[in-house]
C-alpha atoms as a PDB file:
ATOM      1  CA  UNK A   1      14.735   8.487 -16.085  1.00  0.00           C
ATOM      2  CA  UNK A   2      11.116   9.544 -15.843  1.00  0.00           C
ATOM      3  CA  UNK A   3       8.501   8.437 -13.330  1.00  0.00           C
ATOM      4  CA  UNK A   4       7.008   5.163 -14.588  1.00  0.00           C
ATOM      5  CA  UNK A   5       4.502   3.572 -12.214  1.00  0.00           C
ATOM      6  CA  UNK A   6       2.903   0.210 -12.676  1.00  0.00           C
ATOM      7  CA  UNK A   7      -0.804   0.362 -13.452  1.00  0.00           C
ATOM      8  CA  UNK A   8      -3.586  -2.176 -13.347  1.00  0.00           C
ATOM      9  CA  UNK A   9      -6.010  -2.400 -16.233  1.00  0.00           C
ATOM     10  CA  UNK A  10      -9.073  -2.677 -13.995  1.00  0.00           C
ATOM     11  CA  UNK A  11      -8.330   0.671 -12.336  1.00  0.00           C
ATOM     12  CA  UNK A  12      -7.211   2.266 -15.601  1.00  0.00           C
ATOM     13  CA  UNK A  13     -10.580   1.390 -17.141  1.00  0.00           C
ATOM     14  CA  UNK A  14     -12.523   3.423 -14.556  1.00  0.00           C
ATOM     15  CA  UNK A  15     -13.406   6.860 -15.874  1.00  0.00           C
ATOM     16  CA  UNK A  16     -12.425   9.819 -13.742  1.00  0.00           C
ATOM     17  CA  UNK A  17      -9.734   7.929 -11.847  1.00  0.00           C
ATOM     18  CA  UNK A  18      -5.945   7.991 -12.150  1.00  0.00           C
ATOM     19  CA  UNK A  19      -3.590   5.734 -10.246  1.00  0.00           C
ATOM     20  CA  UNK A  20      -0.105   4.322 -10.091  1.00  0.00           C
ATOM     21  CA  UNK A  21       1.930   1.797  -8.141  1.00  0.00           C
ATOM     22  CA  UNK A  22       5.118   3.826  -8.223  1.00  0.00           C
ATOM     23  CA  UNK A  23       8.499   2.126  -8.362  1.00  0.00           C
ATOM     24  CA  UNK A  24      11.951   3.535  -7.661  1.00  0.00           C
ATOM     25  CA  UNK A  25      12.112   4.913 -11.205  1.00  0.00           C
ATOM     26  CA  UNK A  26      12.180   8.656 -11.787  1.00  0.00           C
ATOM     27  CA  UNK A  27      13.257   9.987  -8.400  1.00  0.00           C
ATOM     28  CA  UNK A  28      16.115  12.155  -7.163  1.00  0.00           C
ATOM     29  CA  UNK A  29      17.088  10.303  -3.987  1.00  0.00           C
ATOM     30  CA  UNK A  30      20.596   8.855  -3.743  1.00  0.00           C
ATOM     31  CA  UNK A  31      22.523   6.053  -2.052  1.00  0.00           C
ATOM     32  CA  UNK A  32      20.420   3.411  -0.325  1.00  0.00           C
ATOM     33  CA  UNK A  33      17.347   5.534  -1.140  1.00  0.00           C
ATOM     34  CA  UNK A  34      18.217   5.822  -4.833  1.00  0.00           C
ATOM     35  CA  UNK A  35      15.111   6.647  -6.817  1.00  0.00           C
ATOM     36  CA  UNK A  36      11.602   7.780  -5.993  1.00  0.00           C
ATOM     37  CA  UNK A  37      11.583   7.546  -2.195  1.00  0.00           C
ATOM     38  CA  UNK A  38       8.336   9.096  -0.913  1.00  0.00           C
ATOM     39  CA  UNK A  39       8.933   8.446   2.788  1.00  0.00           C
ATOM     40  CA  UNK A  40       9.278  11.528   4.955  1.00  0.00           C
ATOM     41  CA  UNK A  41       9.753   9.086   7.836  1.00  0.00           C
ATOM     42  CA  UNK A  42      12.998   7.846   6.326  1.00  0.00           C
ATOM     43  CA  UNK A  43      16.364   9.484   6.987  1.00  0.00           C
ATOM     44  CA  UNK A  44      16.668  10.540   3.360  1.00  0.00           C
ATOM     45  CA  UNK A  45      17.267  14.220   2.577  1.00  0.00           C
ATOM     46  CA  UNK A  46      13.958  15.960   3.081  1.00  0.00           C
ATOM     47  CA  UNK A  47      14.326  18.069  -0.055  1.00  0.00           C
ATOM     48  CA  UNK A  48      14.744  14.895  -2.107  1.00  0.00           C
ATOM     49  CA  UNK A  49      11.626  13.305  -0.642  1.00  0.00           C
ATOM     50  CA  UNK A  50       9.610  16.502  -1.202  1.00  0.00           C
ATOM     51  CA  UNK A  51      10.717  16.591  -4.841  1.00  0.00           C
ATOM     52  CA  UNK A  52       9.849  12.913  -5.293  1.00  0.00           C
ATOM     53  CA  UNK A  53       6.398  13.436  -3.829  1.00  0.00           C
ATOM     54  CA  UNK A  54       5.839  16.393  -6.147  1.00  0.00           C
ATOM     55  CA  UNK A  55       6.774  14.234  -9.136  1.00  0.00           C
ATOM     56  CA  UNK A  56       4.182  11.675  -8.087  1.00  0.00           C
ATOM     57  CA  UNK A  57       1.552  14.403  -7.736  1.00  0.00           C
ATOM     58  CA  UNK A  58       2.453  15.941 -11.079  1.00  0.00           C
ATOM     59  CA  UNK A  59       2.391  12.579 -12.851  1.00  0.00           C
ATOM     60  CA  UNK A  60      -1.221  12.052 -11.776  1.00  0.00           C
ATOM     61  CA  UNK A  61      -2.170  15.674 -12.368  1.00  0.00           C
ATOM     62  CA  UNK A  62      -3.215  16.244  -8.772  1.00  0.00           C
ATOM     63  CA  UNK A  63      -3.272  19.212  -6.423  1.00  0.00           C
ATOM     64  CA  UNK A  64      -2.080  17.623  -3.167  1.00  0.00           C
ATOM     65  CA  UNK A  65      -0.506  14.307  -2.175  1.00  0.00           C
ATOM     66  CA  UNK A  66      -1.864  12.911   1.085  1.00  0.00           C
ATOM     67  CA  UNK A  67      -0.143  10.310   3.226  1.00  0.00           C
ATOM     68  CA  UNK A  68      -1.263   9.291   6.694  1.00  0.00           C
ATOM     69  CA  UNK A  69       1.055   8.634   9.625  1.00  0.00           C
ATOM     70  CA  UNK A  70       1.020   4.856   9.249  1.00  0.00           C
ATOM     71  CA  UNK A  71       0.903   2.928  12.519  1.00  0.00           C
ATOM     72  CA  UNK A  72       0.005  -0.633  11.389  1.00  0.00           C
ATOM     73  CA  UNK A  73      -3.593  -0.186  12.484  1.00  0.00           C
ATOM     74  CA  UNK A  74      -7.069  -0.854  11.112  1.00  0.00           C
ATOM     75  CA  UNK A  75      -7.926   2.861  11.154  1.00  0.00           C
ATOM     76  CA  UNK A  76      -9.278   4.552   8.027  1.00  0.00           C
ATOM     77  CA  UNK A  77      -9.968   8.286   7.783  1.00  0.00           C
ATOM     78  CA  UNK A  78     -12.252  10.135   5.389  1.00  0.00           C
ATOM     79  CA  UNK A  79     -11.336  13.549   4.041  1.00  0.00           C
ATOM     80  CA  UNK A  80     -12.251  16.183   1.470  1.00  0.00           C
ATOM     81  CA  UNK A  81      -9.359  18.491   2.387  1.00  0.00           C
ATOM     82  CA  UNK A  82      -5.577  18.334   2.246  1.00  0.00           C
ATOM     83  CA  UNK A  83      -3.319  18.361   5.299  1.00  0.00           C
ATOM     84  CA  UNK A  84       0.328  19.142   5.833  1.00  0.00           C
ATOM     85  CA  UNK A  85       2.549  16.060   6.327  1.00  0.00           C
ATOM     86  CA  UNK A  86       3.321  17.044   9.914  1.00  0.00           C
ATOM     87  CA  UNK A  87      -0.414  17.104  10.661  1.00  0.00           C
ATOM     88  CA  UNK A  88      -1.209  13.768   9.055  1.00  0.00           C
ATOM     89  CA  UNK A  89      -3.630  11.625  11.063  1.00  0.00           C
ATOM     90  CA  UNK A  90      -2.410   8.403  12.651  1.00  0.00           C
ATOM     91  CA  UNK A  91      -4.105   5.817  10.465  1.00  0.00           C
ATOM     92  CA  UNK A  92      -3.397   3.302   7.719  1.00  0.00           C
ATOM     93  CA  UNK A  93      -6.004   4.133   5.120  1.00  0.00           C
ATOM     94  CA  UNK A  94      -7.712   7.161   3.643  1.00  0.00           C
ATOM     95  CA  UNK A  95     -10.831   7.675   1.520  1.00  0.00           C
ATOM     96  CA  UNK A  96     -12.090  10.694  -0.417  1.00  0.00           C
ATOM     97  CA  UNK A  97     -14.719  11.973  -2.823  1.00  0.00           C
ATOM     98  CA  UNK A  98     -12.711  15.125  -3.591  1.00  0.00           C
ATOM     99  CA  UNK A  99     -11.078  15.394  -7.034  1.00  0.00           C
ATOM    100  CA  UNK A 100      -7.409  16.345  -7.126  1.00  0.00           C
ATOM    101  CA  UNK A 101      -6.448  14.801  -3.780  1.00  0.00           C
ATOM    102  CA  UNK A 102      -3.803  12.149  -4.414  1.00  0.00           C
ATOM    103  CA  UNK A 103      -4.299   9.438  -1.797  1.00  0.00           C
ATOM    104  CA  UNK A 104      -1.059   7.583  -1.167  1.00  0.00           C
ATOM    105  CA  UNK A 105      -0.278   4.363   0.702  1.00  0.00           C
ATOM    106  CA  UNK A 106       3.415   3.870   1.434  1.00  0.00           C
ATOM    107  CA  UNK A 107       5.074   0.495   1.772  1.00  0.00           C
ATOM    108  CA  UNK A 108       8.328  -1.431   1.560  1.00  0.00           C
ATOM    109  CA  UNK A 109       7.068  -5.061   1.737  1.00  0.00           C
ATOM    110  CA  UNK A 110       3.635  -4.427   3.285  1.00  0.00           C
ATOM    111  CA  UNK A 111       0.657  -4.507   0.955  1.00  0.00           C
ATOM    112  CA  UNK A 112      -0.533  -1.228  -0.599  1.00  0.00           C
ATOM    113  CA  UNK A 113      -4.146  -1.463  -1.764  1.00  0.00           C
ATOM    114  CA  UNK A 114      -5.887   0.996  -4.075  1.00  0.00           C
ATOM    115  CA  UNK A 115      -9.691   1.128  -4.157  1.00  0.00           C
ATOM    116  CA  UNK A 116     -12.130   2.777  -6.540  1.00  0.00           C
ATOM    117  CA  UNK A 117     -15.889   2.634  -6.878  1.00  0.00           C
ATOM    118  CA  UNK A 118     -16.797   2.389 -10.545  1.00  0.00           C
ATOM    119  CA  UNK A 119     -19.944   4.483 -10.170  1.00  0.00           C
ATOM    120  CA  UNK A 120     -20.030   6.544  -6.978  1.00  0.00           C
ATOM    121  CA  UNK A 121     -16.883   8.678  -7.310  1.00  0.00           C
ATOM    122  CA  UNK A 122     -15.109   7.364  -4.218  1.00  0.00           C
ATOM    123  CA  UNK A 123     -11.470   6.237  -3.993  1.00  0.00           C
ATOM    124  CA  UNK A 124      -9.268   4.924  -1.208  1.00  0.00           C
ATOM    125  CA  UNK A 125      -5.730   3.849  -0.416  1.00  0.00           C
ATOM    126  CA  UNK A 126      -4.712   1.474   2.362  1.00  0.00           C
ATOM    127  CA  UNK A 127      -1.471   0.222   3.879  1.00  0.00           C
ATOM    128  CA  UNK A 128      -1.958  -3.438   4.808  1.00  0.00           C
ATOM    129  CA  UNK A 129       0.925  -4.824   6.782  1.00  0.00           C
ATOM    130  CA  UNK A 130       0.351  -8.110   8.563  1.00  0.00           C
ATOM    131  CA  UNK A 131      -1.118  -6.384  11.596  1.00  0.00           C
ATOM    132  CA  UNK A 132      -3.443  -4.100   9.651  1.00  0.00           C
ATOM    133  CA  UNK A 133      -4.571  -6.964   7.439  1.00  0.00           C
ATOM    134  CA  UNK A 134      -5.193  -9.238  10.419  1.00  0.00           C
ATOM    135  CA  UNK A 135      -7.160  -6.707  12.437  1.00  0.00           C
ATOM    136  CA  UNK A 136      -9.291  -5.212   9.675  1.00  0.00           C
ATOM    137  CA  UNK A 137      -7.825  -2.338   7.629  1.00  0.00           C
ATOM    138  CA  UNK A 138      -9.372  -3.824   4.476  1.00  0.00           C
ATOM    139  CA  UNK A 139     -12.845  -3.880   5.964  1.00  0.00           C
ATOM    140  CA  UNK A 140     -12.427  -0.436   7.575  1.00  0.00           C
ATOM    141  CA  UNK A 141     -11.533   1.098   4.210  1.00  0.00           C
ATOM    142  CA  UNK A 142     -14.512  -0.471   2.480  1.00  0.00           C
ATOM    143  CA  UNK A 143     -16.848   0.697   5.253  1.00  0.00           C
ATOM    144  CA  UNK A 144     -15.474   4.239   4.946  1.00  0.00           C
ATOM    145  CA  UNK A 145     -16.102   4.156   1.213  1.00  0.00           C
ATOM    146  CA  UNK A 146     -19.664   2.973   1.820  1.00  0.00           C
ATOM    147  CA  UNK A 147     -20.158   5.902   4.184  1.00  0.00           C
ATOM    148  CA  UNK A 148     -19.286   8.145   1.228  1.00  0.00           C
ATOM    149  CA  UNK A 149     -21.818   6.489  -1.071  1.00  0.00           C
ATOM    150  CA  UNK A 150     -19.876   3.549  -2.510  1.00  0.00           C
ATOM    151  CA  UNK A 151     -21.343   0.070  -2.947  1.00  0.00           C
ATOM    152  CA  UNK A 152     -19.329  -3.105  -2.349  1.00  0.00           C
ATOM    153  CA  UNK A 153     -20.490  -4.619  -5.593  1.00  0.00           C
ATOM    154  CA  UNK A 154     -19.005  -1.743  -7.600  1.00  0.00           C
ATOM    155  CA  UNK A 155     -15.698  -1.361  -5.718  1.00  0.00           C
ATOM    156  CA  UNK A 156     -12.508  -2.512  -7.444  1.00  0.00           C
ATOM    157  CA  UNK A 157      -9.489  -3.195  -5.210  1.00  0.00           C
ATOM    158  CA  UNK A 158      -5.947  -3.878  -6.404  1.00  0.00           C
ATOM    159  CA  UNK A 159      -3.070  -5.102  -4.236  1.00  0.00           C
ATOM    160  CA  UNK A 160       0.231  -3.565  -5.248  1.00  0.00           C
ATOM    161  CA  UNK A 161       3.824  -4.810  -5.001  1.00  0.00           C
ATOM    162  CA  UNK A 162       4.500  -6.504  -1.665  1.00  0.00           C
ATOM    163  CA  UNK A 163       6.599  -9.284  -0.217  1.00  0.00           C
ATOM    164  CA  UNK A 164       5.852 -12.798  -1.450  1.00  0.00           C
ATOM    165  CA  UNK A 165       5.539 -15.952   0.638  1.00  0.00           C
ATOM    166  CA  UNK A 166       8.835 -17.320  -0.651  1.00  0.00           C
ATOM    167  CA  UNK A 167      10.671 -14.419   1.001  1.00  0.00           C
ATOM    168  CA  UNK A 168       8.623 -13.880   4.181  1.00  0.00           C
ATOM    169  CA  UNK A 169       9.869 -16.140   6.968  1.00  0.00           C
ATOM    170  CA  UNK A 170       8.224 -15.729  10.375  1.00  0.00           C
ATOM    171  CA  UNK A 171       8.608 -17.205  13.835  1.00  0.00           C
ATOM    172  CA  UNK A 172       6.170 -19.386  15.787  1.00  0.00           C
ATOM    173  CA  UNK A 173       4.724 -16.491  17.787  1.00  0.00           C
ATOM    174  CA  UNK A 174       3.774 -14.748  14.543  1.00  0.00           C
ATOM    175  CA  UNK A 175       1.931 -17.798  13.272  1.00  0.00           C
ATOM    176  CA  UNK A 176       0.207 -18.201  16.648  1.00  0.00           C
ATOM    177  CA  UNK A 177      -1.335 -14.710  16.317  1.00  0.00           C
ATOM    178  CA  UNK A 178      -3.034 -15.691  13.093  1.00  0.00           C
ATOM    179  CA  UNK A 179      -4.184 -19.169  14.052  1.00  0.00           C
ATOM    180  CA  UNK A 180      -5.490 -17.902  17.398  1.00  0.00           C
ATOM    181  CA  UNK A 181      -7.602 -15.361  15.505  1.00  0.00           C
ATOM    182  CA  UNK A 182      -8.880 -18.001  13.076  1.00  0.00           C
ATOM    183  CA  UNK A 183      -7.681 -21.602  12.851  1.00  0.00           C
ATOM    184  CA  UNK A 184      -8.316 -21.510   9.102  1.00  0.00           C
ATOM    185  CA  UNK A 185      -5.366 -19.093   8.800  1.00  0.00           C
ATOM    186  CA  UNK A 186      -3.095 -22.129   9.074  1.00  0.00           C
ATOM    187  CA  UNK A 187      -3.338 -22.442   5.296  1.00  0.00           C
ATOM    188  CA  UNK A 188      -1.333 -19.268   4.724  1.00  0.00           C
ATOM    189  CA  UNK A 189       1.767 -20.803   6.314  1.00  0.00           C
ATOM    190  CA  UNK A 190       4.192 -23.386   4.959  1.00  0.00           C
ATOM    191  CA  UNK A 191       7.238 -24.839   6.757  1.00  0.00           C
ATOM    192  CA  UNK A 192      10.541 -23.021   6.261  1.00  0.00           C
ATOM    193  CA  UNK A 193      14.041 -24.467   6.360  1.00  0.00           C
ATOM    194  CA  UNK A 194      14.466 -23.306   9.963  1.00  0.00           C
ATOM    195  CA  UNK A 195      12.934 -25.445  12.646  1.00  0.00           C
ATOM    196  CA  UNK A 196       9.812 -23.896  14.155  1.00  0.00           C
ATOM    197  CA  UNK A 197       9.616 -21.180  11.511  1.00  0.00           C
ATOM    198  CA  UNK A 198       7.279 -20.763   8.558  1.00  0.00           C
ATOM    199  CA  UNK A 199       6.825 -18.869   5.321  1.00  0.00           C
ATOM    200  CA  UNK A 200       3.806 -16.562   5.410  1.00  0.00           C
ATOM    201  CA  UNK A 201       1.741 -15.633   2.350  1.00  0.00           C
ATOM    202  CA  UNK A 202       0.699 -12.077   3.139  1.00  0.00           C
ATOM    203  CA  UNK A 203      -0.416 -11.475  -0.439  1.00  0.00           C
ATOM    204  CA  UNK A 204      -2.837 -14.416  -0.467  1.00  0.00           C
ATOM    205  CA  UNK A 205      -4.134 -13.532   2.985  1.00  0.00           C
ATOM    206  CA  UNK A 206      -4.836  -9.925   1.978  1.00  0.00           C
ATOM    207  CA  UNK A 207      -6.476 -10.903  -1.300  1.00  0.00           C
ATOM    208  CA  UNK A 208      -8.729 -13.361   0.505  1.00  0.00           C
ATOM    209  CA  UNK A 209      -9.778 -10.671   2.998  1.00  0.00           C
ATOM    210  CA  UNK A 210     -10.702  -8.418   0.084  1.00  0.00           C
ATOM    211  CA  UNK A 211     -12.687 -11.128  -1.663  1.00  0.00           C
ATOM    212  CA  UNK A 212     -14.521 -12.087   1.519  1.00  0.00           C
ATOM    213  CA  UNK A 213     -15.438  -8.428   1.981  1.00  0.00           C
ATOM    214  CA  UNK A 214     -17.315  -8.576  -1.312  1.00  0.00           C
ATOM    215  CA  UNK A 215     -15.253  -6.345  -3.596  1.00  0.00           C
ATOM    216  CA  UNK A 216     -13.744  -7.084  -7.003  1.00  0.00           C
ATOM    217  CA  UNK A 217     -10.191  -8.109  -6.204  1.00  0.00           C
ATOM    218  CA  UNK A 218      -6.988  -8.004  -8.257  1.00  0.00           C
ATOM    219  CA  UNK A 219      -3.224  -7.901  -7.769  1.00  0.00           C
ATOM    220  CA  UNK A 220      -0.202  -6.704  -9.715  1.00  0.00           C
ATOM    221  CA  UNK A 221       1.565  -9.881  -8.546  1.00  0.00           C
ATOM    222  CA  UNK A 222       5.015  -8.439  -7.882  1.00  0.00           C
ATOM    223  CA  UNK A 223       7.409  -9.139  -5.003  1.00  0.00           C
ATOM    224  CA  UNK A 224       9.234  -6.180  -3.478  1.00  0.00           C
ATOM    225  CA  UNK A 225      12.034  -8.333  -2.071  1.00  0.00           C
ATOM    226  CA  UNK A 226      13.011  -9.880  -5.399  1.00  0.00           C
ATOM    227  CA  UNK A 227      13.356  -6.771  -7.569  1.00  0.00           C
ATOM    228  CA  UNK A 228      15.812  -4.379  -5.895  1.00  0.00           C
ATOM    229  CA  UNK A 229      16.138  -2.149  -8.955  1.00  0.00           C
ATOM    230  CA  UNK A 230      12.408  -1.408  -8.888  1.00  0.00           C
ATOM    231  CA  UNK A 231      11.255  -1.759  -5.280  1.00  0.00           C
ATOM    232  CA  UNK A 232      12.337  -0.850  -1.773  1.00  0.00           C
ATOM    233  CA  UNK A 233      12.157  -3.701   0.741  1.00  0.00           C
ATOM    234  CA  UNK A 234      12.450  -3.506   4.503  1.00  0.00           C
ATOM    235  CA  UNK A 235      13.333  -7.191   4.775  1.00  0.00           C
ATOM    236  CA  UNK A 236      15.978  -7.006   2.056  1.00  0.00           C
ATOM    237  CA  UNK A 237      17.473  -3.970   3.787  1.00  0.00           C
ATOM    238  CA  UNK A 238      17.581  -5.922   7.052  1.00  0.00           C
ATOM    239  CA  UNK A 239      19.283  -8.893   5.412  1.00  0.00           C
ATOM    240  CA  UNK A 240      21.860  -6.595   3.836  1.00  0.00           C
ATOM    241  CA  UNK A 241      22.573  -4.801   7.108  1.00  0.00           C
ATOM    242  CA  UNK A 242      21.676  -1.385   5.672  1.00  0.00           C
ATOM    243  CA  UNK A 243      20.698   1.404   8.061  1.00  0.00           C
ATOM    244  CA  UNK A 244      17.449   2.485   6.448  1.00  0.00           C
ATOM    245  CA  UNK A 245      15.201   2.040   3.425  1.00  0.00           C
ATOM    246  CA  UNK A 246      12.984   4.020   1.093  1.00  0.00           C
ATOM    247  CA  UNK A 247       9.206   3.868   0.829  1.00  0.00           C
ATOM    248  CA  UNK A 248       7.234   3.083  -2.296  1.00  0.00           C
ATOM    249  CA  UNK A 249       4.175   5.148  -3.150  1.00  0.00           C
ATOM    250  CA  UNK A 250       0.927   3.646  -4.385  1.00  0.00           C
ATOM    251  CA  UNK A 251      -1.480   6.440  -5.236  1.00  0.00           C
ATOM    252  CA  UNK A 252      -4.956   7.059  -6.582  1.00  0.00           C
ATOM    253  CA  UNK A 253      -6.948  10.186  -7.418  1.00  0.00           C
ATOM    254  CA  UNK A 254     -10.284  11.333  -8.750  1.00  0.00           C
ATOM    255  CA  UNK A 255      -9.495  13.522 -11.735  1.00  0.00           C
ATOM    256  CA  UNK A 256     -10.091  17.269 -11.674  1.00  0.00           C
END
């Protein structure tokens, strides 16, 4: 089976940009990691992960695949040079103007977002878990792109596969974090079957943050939890009692 990422037409229409929301298809990992696991932080065989990452890079025609050491933050870094995985900065988003650098956000329920300016030659990739989304990784990525010459009105952002509200149950303390930050966040929560718990719509929350930031906003509209053959899911792994999980790659590159 060959590598077969999902694509979004709005990013595909931008000249000089290649991208993909990669699924499990086309990888060499086995067992609970079966498929295209790109996560060096997983307990998968390192040689399998390295091969999977090379397949992603080759599919896009890039020179280097860059992932940051994701820490659920609102930190975005700018770069024009590659780094070794062991030297990756602690951040949750990366922006570049350098062709051939494959920027990759990794996720397994959190929201991967790919950004591209339609005119300025700037791309970005962000990992938006609930904490990063709440505290500003979307805005930090856009600001970093602006620092490289992008304009909000010409930035296209696409949210990749992530967990849907119907599968994301949270406790009262989780909800309190959001409503304390902004009472209007109440609208992203609906009651769950368990007393005191709620279902959280991370996808809608992230998309609204993007729209409020003034960029053209789209989504692939897929739930990682519900499609085990295509997507890794931390929450599904937890419910199944498995020991670990793979990471999905969402990647974007300025063409050489």
